[in-house]
Amino acid sequence: MSAGQLPQRIDNDAPVFVISVAAQLAGMHPQTLRTYDRLGLVSPRRTAARGRRYSARDIARLRMIQRLSQDDGINLEGIRRILQLENELDELRARINSLAELLTSTRAAPRGSRVFTADPLGGVHIAAPGRSWSAPKALEGRRGS
């Protein structure tokens, strides 16, 4: 395979490492990885034969668990909570980015266009990016009332 055929971006979530390689990369015993999997601290993907496959992101997480445990003296329950809070933080950051994009597109939308739509049951939805809706003719007279 030539350099021109290599992927442009390496996927950090690709499950490529078997447990022995992952353990070596993380500086741990394979049994420790199995324990962390059972505790839910790291969740490698599984092959059809149920073998564990770890990603580069999993390896980084294992290293962080080891650092928190050995260097900072945090117990496994504390580490689990830290990881949970980091996941929540990542989700909140993604939501903030999504809302910032919505705000930018709302500010760029033509005056009088809609950002939200309502379904027949009264549910409110964010309009698709790049599309704007205007009030149906029957409702135009009701604006401002």
N, C-alpha and C. Protein backbone atom coordinates (compact mmCIF):
# COMPACT_ATOMS: atom_id res chain seq x y z
N MET A 1 0.85 -1.17 0.00
CA MET A 1 0.00 0.00 0.00
C MET A 1 0.90 1.23 0.00
N SER A 2 0.68 2.13 -0.94
CA SER A 2 1.49 3.34 -1.03
C SER A 2 0.94 4.41 -0.11
N ALA A 3 1.73 5.47 0.07
CA ALA A 3 1.31 6.56 0.96
C ALA A 3 0.03 7.21 0.45
N GLY A 4 -0.20 7.21 -0.84
CA GLY A 4 -1.40 7.79 -1.40
C GLY A 4 -2.65 6.99 -1.09
N GLN A 5 -2.48 5.72 -0.71
CA GLN A 5 -3.62 4.86 -0.41
C GLN A 5 -3.97 4.82 1.07
N LEU A 6 -3.14 5.42 1.91
CA LEU A 6 -3.42 5.41 3.34
C LEU A 6 -4.63 6.28 3.64
N PRO A 7 -5.39 5.91 4.66
CA PRO A 7 -6.55 6.74 5.00
C PRO A 7 -6.11 8.13 5.43
N GLN A 8 -6.92 9.13 5.11
CA GLN A 8 -6.60 10.51 5.46
C GLN A 8 -6.67 10.73 6.96
N ARG A 9 -7.56 10.03 7.63
CA ARG A 9 -7.76 10.21 9.06
C ARG A 9 -7.79 8.84 9.72
N ILE A 10 -7.07 8.70 10.80
CA ILE A 10 -7.07 7.45 11.54
C ILE A 10 -8.18 7.54 12.59
N ASP A 11 -9.02 6.54 12.62
CA ASP A 11 -10.16 6.53 13.52
C ASP A 11 -9.73 6.05 14.90
N ASN A 12 -9.81 6.94 15.89
CA ASN A 12 -9.43 6.59 17.27
C ASN A 12 -10.38 5.60 17.90
N ASP A 13 -11.55 5.40 17.30
CA ASP A 13 -12.54 4.48 17.84
C ASP A 13 -12.55 3.12 17.14
N ALA A 14 -11.65 2.93 16.18
CA ALA A 14 -11.59 1.66 15.46
C ALA A 14 -11.07 0.57 16.40
N PRO A 15 -11.82 -0.52 16.55
CA PRO A 15 -11.41 -1.61 17.45
C PRO A 15 -10.35 -2.49 16.78
N VAL A 16 -9.09 -2.21 17.05
CA VAL A 16 -8.01 -2.90 16.34
C VAL A 16 -7.08 -3.73 17.21
N PHE A 17 -7.04 -3.49 18.51
CA PHE A 17 -6.06 -4.16 19.36
C PHE A 17 -6.68 -5.32 20.14
N VAL A 18 -6.05 -6.48 20.06
CA VAL A 18 -6.49 -7.61 20.88
C VAL A 18 -6.07 -7.32 22.32
N ILE A 19 -6.60 -8.06 23.26
CA ILE A 19 -6.40 -7.76 24.67
C ILE A 19 -4.92 -7.79 25.09
N SER A 20 -4.15 -8.71 24.55
CA SER A 20 -2.73 -8.78 24.94
C SER A 20 -1.97 -7.54 24.48
N VAL A 21 -2.26 -7.06 23.29
CA VAL A 21 -1.59 -5.85 22.77
C VAL A 21 -2.08 -4.63 23.54
N ALA A 22 -3.38 -4.55 23.78
CA ALA A 22 -3.94 -3.43 24.54
C ALA A 22 -3.34 -3.37 25.94
N ALA A 23 -3.20 -4.52 26.58
CA ALA A 23 -2.62 -4.57 27.92
C ALA A 23 -1.18 -4.08 27.89
N GLN A 24 -0.44 -4.50 26.90
CA GLN A 24 0.96 -4.07 26.78
C GLN A 24 1.04 -2.56 26.54
N LEU A 25 0.20 -2.04 25.65
CA LEU A 25 0.20 -0.60 25.36
C LEU A 25 -0.21 0.22 26.58
N ALA A 26 -1.11 -0.32 27.39
CA ALA A 26 -1.58 0.40 28.58
C ALA A 26 -0.69 0.15 29.79
N GLY A 27 0.23 -0.80 29.69
CA GLY A 27 1.11 -1.11 30.81
C GLY A 27 0.39 -1.86 31.93
N MET A 28 -0.54 -2.74 31.54
CA MET A 28 -1.34 -3.48 32.51
C MET A 28 -1.33 -4.96 32.16
N HIS A 29 -1.82 -5.76 33.08
CA HIS A 29 -2.01 -7.19 32.85
C HIS A 29 -3.35 -7.39 32.14
N PRO A 30 -3.45 -8.35 31.21
CA PRO A 30 -4.73 -8.59 30.53
C PRO A 30 -5.90 -8.83 31.49
N GLN A 31 -5.61 -9.48 32.63
CA GLN A 31 -6.69 -9.73 33.59
C GLN A 31 -7.24 -8.41 34.16
N THR A 32 -6.39 -7.41 34.29
CA THR A 32 -6.84 -6.10 34.75
C THR A 32 -7.81 -5.50 33.74
N LEU A 33 -7.52 -5.65 32.46
CA LEU A 33 -8.42 -5.15 31.42
C LEU A 33 -9.76 -5.86 31.47
N ARG A 34 -9.73 -7.16 31.71
CA ARG A 34 -10.99 -7.92 31.83
C ARG A 34 -11.81 -7.41 33.03
N THR A 35 -11.12 -7.14 34.14
CA THR A 35 -11.80 -6.62 35.33
C THR A 35 -12.41 -5.26 35.04
N TYR A 36 -11.65 -4.38 34.41
CA TYR A 36 -12.16 -3.05 34.09
C TYR A 36 -13.35 -3.13 33.13
N ASP A 37 -13.32 -4.11 32.23
CA ASP A 37 -14.46 -4.32 31.32
C ASP A 37 -15.69 -4.74 32.14
N ARG A 38 -15.51 -5.68 33.06
CA ARG A 38 -16.64 -6.13 33.90
C ARG A 38 -17.20 -4.99 34.74
N LEU A 39 -16.33 -4.10 35.22
CA LEU A 39 -16.76 -2.97 36.04
C LEU A 39 -17.33 -1.83 35.22
N GLY A 40 -17.18 -1.90 33.90
CA GLY A 40 -17.71 -0.86 33.04
C GLY A 40 -16.81 0.36 32.92
N LEU A 41 -15.57 0.26 33.35
CA LEU A 41 -14.64 1.38 33.24
C LEU A 41 -14.18 1.59 31.80
N VAL A 42 -14.07 0.52 31.08
CA VAL A 42 -13.74 0.56 29.66
C VAL A 42 -14.59 -0.52 28.98
N SER A 43 -15.10 -0.21 27.81
CA SER A 43 -15.99 -1.15 27.12
C SER A 43 -15.50 -1.40 25.70
N PRO A 44 -14.59 -2.37 25.56
CA PRO A 44 -14.09 -2.67 24.21
C PRO A 44 -15.20 -3.29 23.36
N ARG A 45 -15.05 -3.18 22.07
CA ARG A 45 -16.01 -3.84 21.18
C ARG A 45 -15.71 -5.32 21.17
N ARG A 46 -16.65 -6.09 20.67
CA ARG A 46 -16.51 -7.55 20.63
C ARG A 46 -16.55 -8.04 19.19
N THR A 47 -15.77 -9.07 18.93
CA THR A 47 -15.81 -9.74 17.63
C THR A 47 -16.99 -10.70 17.64
N ALA A 48 -17.24 -11.32 16.50
CA ALA A 48 -18.32 -12.30 16.41
C ALA A 48 -18.07 -13.46 17.37
N ALA A 49 -16.80 -13.79 17.62
CA ALA A 49 -16.45 -14.88 18.54
C ALA A 49 -16.34 -14.37 19.98
N ARG A 50 -16.78 -13.14 20.24
CA ARG A 50 -16.82 -12.52 21.56
C ARG A 50 -15.45 -12.08 22.09
N GLY A 51 -14.44 -12.05 21.23
CA GLY A 51 -13.14 -11.55 21.65
C GLY A 51 -13.16 -10.04 21.78
N ARG A 52 -12.42 -9.52 22.73
CA ARG A 52 -12.36 -8.07 22.94
C ARG A 52 -11.43 -7.43 21.93
N ARG A 53 -11.85 -6.25 21.42
CA ARG A 53 -11.00 -5.45 20.53
C ARG A 53 -11.01 -4.02 21.06
N TYR A 54 -9.82 -3.52 21.36
CA TYR A 54 -9.66 -2.20 21.96
C TYR A 54 -9.25 -1.18 20.90
N SER A 55 -9.73 0.03 21.08
CA SER A 55 -9.38 1.14 20.18
C SER A 55 -8.29 1.98 20.82
N ALA A 56 -7.75 2.92 20.05
CA ALA A 56 -6.76 3.85 20.59
C ALA A 56 -7.38 4.68 21.72
N ARG A 57 -8.66 5.02 21.59
CA ARG A 57 -9.35 5.77 22.65
C ARG A 57 -9.45 4.92 23.92
N ASP A 58 -9.71 3.61 23.76
CA ASP A 58 -9.75 2.70 24.91
C ASP A 58 -8.40 2.65 25.61
N ILE A 59 -7.32 2.61 24.83
CA ILE A 59 -5.97 2.56 25.41
C ILE A 59 -5.70 3.83 26.21
N ALA A 60 -6.08 4.97 25.65
CA ALA A 60 -5.89 6.25 26.36
C ALA A 60 -6.70 6.25 27.65
N ARG A 61 -7.89 5.70 27.62
CA ARG A 61 -8.73 5.63 28.82
C ARG A 61 -8.09 4.72 29.87
N LEU A 62 -7.55 3.59 29.44
CA LEU A 62 -6.88 2.67 30.35
C LEU A 62 -5.68 3.34 31.01
N ARG A 63 -4.93 4.10 30.23
CA ARG A 63 -3.77 4.81 30.80
C ARG A 63 -4.22 5.85 31.82
N MET A 64 -5.33 6.53 31.53
CA MET A 64 -5.85 7.51 32.47
C MET A 64 -6.31 6.83 33.76
N ILE A 65 -6.97 5.68 33.63
CA ILE A 65 -7.41 4.92 34.81
C ILE A 65 -6.20 4.54 35.65
N GLN A 66 -5.16 4.08 35.00
CA GLN A 66 -3.95 3.68 35.72
C GLN A 66 -3.32 4.87 36.44
N ARG A 67 -3.26 6.03 35.75
CA ARG A 67 -2.68 7.23 36.36
C ARG A 67 -3.50 7.68 37.58
N LEU A 68 -4.84 7.69 37.40
CA LEU A 68 -5.70 8.10 38.51
C LEU A 68 -5.55 7.15 39.71
N SER A 69 -5.41 5.88 39.42
CA SER A 69 -5.31 4.88 40.48
C SER A 69 -3.94 4.92 41.17
N GLN A 70 -2.89 4.84 40.37
CA GLN A 70 -1.55 4.72 40.93
C GLN A 70 -0.96 6.05 41.38
N ASP A 71 -1.11 7.09 40.57
CA ASP A 71 -0.47 8.37 40.90
C ASP A 71 -1.30 9.21 41.86
N ASP A 72 -2.63 9.16 41.67
CA ASP A 72 -3.49 10.02 42.46
C ASP A 72 -4.18 9.28 43.61
N GLY A 73 -4.05 7.96 43.65
CA GLY A 73 -4.61 7.18 44.75
C GLY A 73 -6.12 7.13 44.79
N ILE A 74 -6.76 7.26 43.64
CA ILE A 74 -8.22 7.24 43.59
C ILE A 74 -8.69 5.79 43.42
N ASN A 75 -9.72 5.41 44.20
CA ASN A 75 -10.22 4.03 44.10
C ASN A 75 -11.07 3.87 42.83
N LEU A 76 -11.41 2.63 42.51
CA LEU A 76 -12.11 2.36 41.25
C LEU A 76 -13.48 3.01 41.18
N GLU A 77 -14.19 3.11 42.31
CA GLU A 77 -15.49 3.79 42.31
C GLU A 77 -15.32 5.27 42.01
N GLY A 78 -14.28 5.87 42.57
CA GLY A 78 -13.98 7.27 42.28
C GLY A 78 -13.63 7.48 40.82
N ILE A 79 -12.86 6.55 40.28
CA ILE A 79 -12.49 6.62 38.86
C ILE A 79 -13.72 6.48 37.98
N ARG A 80 -14.61 5.55 38.35
CA ARG A 80 -15.85 5.37 37.58
C ARG A 80 -16.64 6.66 37.53
N ARG A 81 -16.73 7.34 38.69
CA ARG A 81 -17.47 8.60 38.76
C ARG A 81 -16.79 9.69 37.94
N ILE A 82 -15.48 9.77 37.99
CA ILE A 82 -14.74 10.75 37.20
C ILE A 82 -14.99 10.51 35.71
N LEU A 83 -14.93 9.26 35.29
CA LEU A 83 -15.17 8.94 33.88
C LEU A 83 -16.60 9.29 33.47
N GLN A 84 -17.54 9.03 34.36
CA GLN A 84 -18.94 9.36 34.09
C GLN A 84 -19.10 10.88 33.92
N LEU A 85 -18.47 11.65 34.79
CA LEU A 85 -18.55 13.10 34.71
C LEU A 85 -17.88 13.62 33.44
N GLU A 86 -16.78 13.01 33.04
CA GLU A 86 -16.12 13.41 31.79
C GLU A 86 -17.01 13.13 30.60
N ASN A 87 -17.71 11.98 30.61
CA ASN A 87 -18.65 11.68 29.52
C ASN A 87 -19.76 12.72 29.47
N GLU A 88 -20.30 13.07 30.63
CA GLU A 88 -21.35 14.10 30.68
C GLU A 88 -20.83 15.43 30.16
N LEU A 89 -19.61 15.77 30.53
CA LEU A 89 -19.00 17.02 30.07
C LEU A 89 -18.84 17.02 28.55
N ASP A 90 -18.40 15.90 27.99
CA ASP A 90 -18.27 15.79 26.53
C ASP A 90 -19.62 15.96 25.84
N GLU A 91 -20.67 15.34 26.42
CA GLU A 91 -22.02 15.48 25.85
C GLU A 91 -22.50 16.92 25.93
N LEU A 92 -22.23 17.59 27.04
CA LEU A 92 -22.64 18.99 27.19
C LEU A 92 -21.88 19.89 26.23
N ARG A 93 -20.61 19.62 26.03
CA ARG A 93 -19.83 20.41 25.06
C ARG A 93 -20.39 20.23 23.65
N ALA A 94 -20.75 19.00 23.30
CA ALA A 94 -21.34 18.76 21.99
C ALA A 94 -22.67 19.50 21.85
N ARG A 95 -23.46 19.50 22.91
CA ARG A 95 -24.74 20.21 22.89
C ARG A 95 -24.53 21.72 22.76
N ILE A 96 -23.54 22.26 23.46
CA ILE A 96 -23.22 23.69 23.35
C ILE A 96 -22.83 24.02 21.92
N ASN A 97 -21.98 23.18 21.31
CA ASN A 97 -21.58 23.42 19.92
C ASN A 97 -22.78 23.40 18.99
N SER A 98 -23.69 22.46 19.22
CA SER A 98 -24.90 22.37 18.41
C SER A 98 -25.76 23.63 18.58
N LEU A 99 -25.92 24.08 19.80
CA LEU A 99 -26.71 25.28 20.05
C LEU A 99 -26.03 26.53 19.49
N ALA A 100 -24.71 26.58 19.54
CA ALA A 100 -23.99 27.72 18.97
C ALA A 100 -24.19 27.76 17.46
N GLU A 101 -24.16 26.58 16.81
CA GLU A 101 -24.42 26.51 15.37
C GLU A 101 -25.85 26.97 15.06
N LEU A 102 -26.80 26.54 15.88
CA LEU A 102 -28.19 26.95 15.69
C LEU A 102 -28.33 28.46 15.85
N LEU A 103 -27.67 29.02 16.85
CA LEU A 103 -27.73 30.46 17.07
C LEU A 103 -27.14 31.21 15.89
N THR A 104 -26.02 30.73 15.37
CA THR A 104 -25.39 31.36 14.21
C THR A 104 -26.31 31.32 13.00
N SER A 105 -26.92 30.16 12.75
CA SER A 105 -27.82 30.05 11.59
C SER A 105 -29.09 30.87 11.80
N THR A 106 -29.55 30.99 13.05
CA THR A 106 -30.73 31.80 13.35
C THR A 106 -30.43 33.27 13.08
N ARG A 107 -29.28 33.72 13.51
CA ARG A 107 -28.91 35.13 13.30
C ARG A 107 -28.72 35.43 11.81
N ALA A 108 -28.30 34.42 11.03
CA ALA A 108 -28.08 34.62 9.60
C ALA A 108 -29.37 34.45 8.79
N ALA A 109 -30.42 33.93 9.40
CA ALA A 109 -31.67 33.68 8.68
C ALA A 109 -32.35 34.99 8.32
N PRO A 110 -33.07 35.01 7.20
CA PRO A 110 -33.80 36.23 6.82
C PRO A 110 -34.84 36.59 7.88
N ARG A 111 -35.09 37.86 8.01
CA ARG A 111 -36.07 38.36 8.99
C ARG A 111 -37.44 37.75 8.69
N GLY A 112 -38.11 37.28 9.72
CA GLY A 112 -39.44 36.72 9.55
C GLY A 112 -39.45 35.22 9.28
N SER A 113 -38.27 34.62 9.10
CA SER A 113 -38.26 33.17 8.89
C SER A 113 -38.37 32.47 10.22
N ARG A 114 -38.78 31.24 10.18
CA ARG A 114 -38.99 30.48 11.41
C ARG A 114 -37.79 29.64 11.75
N VAL A 115 -37.52 29.55 13.02
CA VAL A 115 -36.45 28.69 13.52
C VAL A 115 -37.06 27.41 14.06
N PHE A 116 -38.29 27.50 14.56
CA PHE A 116 -38.97 26.36 15.13
C PHE A 116 -40.25 26.09 14.36
N THR A 117 -40.65 24.84 14.34
CA THR A 117 -41.92 24.46 13.73
C THR A 117 -42.70 23.64 14.75
N ALA A 118 -43.99 23.53 14.52
CA ALA A 118 -44.83 22.74 15.42
C ALA A 118 -45.50 21.64 14.62
N ASP A 119 -45.61 20.46 15.22
CA ASP A 119 -46.31 19.36 14.56
C ASP A 119 -47.78 19.41 14.97
N PRO A 120 -48.61 18.60 14.34
CA PRO A 120 -50.05 18.63 14.64
C PRO A 120 -50.39 18.33 16.10
N LEU A 121 -49.51 17.66 16.81
CA LEU A 121 -49.78 17.34 18.22
C LEU A 121 -49.27 18.41 19.17
N GLY A 122 -48.68 19.47 18.62
CA GLY A 122 -48.19 20.55 19.45
C GLY A 122 -46.73 20.45 19.82
N GLY A 123 -46.03 19.44 19.33
CA GLY A 123 -44.60 19.31 19.59
C GLY A 123 -43.83 20.38 18.84
N VAL A 124 -42.80 20.92 19.44
CA VAL A 124 -41.98 21.95 18.83
C VAL A 124 -40.68 21.33 18.36
N HIS A 125 -40.28 21.67 17.14
CA HIS A 125 -39.07 21.13 16.53
C HIS A 125 -38.21 22.25 15.98
N ILE A 126 -36.90 22.03 15.98
CA ILE A 126 -35.99 22.99 15.37
C ILE A 126 -36.04 22.78 13.87
N ALA A 127 -36.14 23.87 13.12
CA ALA A 127 -36.19 23.79 11.67
C ALA A 127 -34.88 23.25 11.14
N ALA A 128 -34.95 22.57 10.02
CA ALA A 128 -33.74 22.02 9.40
C ALA A 128 -32.81 23.16 9.00
N PRO A 129 -31.49 23.00 9.16
CA PRO A 129 -30.55 24.05 8.78
C PRO A 129 -30.70 24.38 7.30
N GLY A 130 -30.66 25.67 7.01
CA GLY A 130 -30.74 26.10 5.62
C GLY A 130 -32.17 26.22 5.11
N ARG A 131 -33.13 25.75 5.87
CA ARG A 131 -34.54 25.86 5.45
C ARG A 131 -35.24 26.81 6.40
N SER A 132 -36.06 27.63 5.84
CA SER A 132 -36.86 28.50 6.70
C SER A 132 -38.31 28.31 6.33
N TRP A 133 -39.15 28.48 7.29
CA TRP A 133 -40.58 28.36 7.08
C TRP A 133 -41.21 29.70 7.37
N SER A 134 -42.21 30.04 6.60
CA SER A 134 -42.98 31.24 6.92
C SER A 134 -44.38 30.79 7.31
N ALA A 135 -45.09 31.66 7.97
CA ALA A 135 -46.42 31.32 8.45
C ALA A 135 -47.35 31.04 7.28
N PRO A 136 -48.21 30.04 7.40
CA PRO A 136 -49.20 29.81 6.36
C PRO A 136 -50.09 31.04 6.23
N LYS A 137 -50.62 31.25 5.04
CA LYS A 137 -51.45 32.42 4.75
C LYS A 137 -52.57 32.59 5.78
N ALA A 138 -53.17 31.51 6.23
CA ALA A 138 -54.29 31.59 7.17
C ALA A 138 -53.85 32.14 8.51
N LEU A 139 -52.58 32.03 8.83
CA LEU A 139 -52.11 32.48 10.13
C LEU A 139 -51.44 33.86 10.10
N GLU A 140 -51.19 34.39 8.91
CA GLU A 140 -50.45 35.66 8.82
C GLU A 140 -51.17 36.77 9.58
N GLY A 141 -52.50 36.81 9.52
CA GLY A 141 -53.24 37.84 10.22
C GLY A 141 -53.19 37.70 11.72
N ARG A 142 -52.80 36.54 12.22
CA ARG A 142 -52.78 36.30 13.67
C ARG A 142 -51.45 36.71 14.29
N ARG A 143 -50.48 37.07 13.48
CA ARG A 143 -49.19 37.50 14.03
C ARG A 143 -49.39 38.75 14.86
N GLY A 144 -48.70 38.81 15.94
CA GLY A 144 -48.78 39.98 16.80
C GLY A 144 -49.99 39.98 17.70
N SER A 145 -50.88 38.96 17.57
CA SER A 145 -52.04 38.94 18.48
C SER A 145 -51.74 38.17 19.71
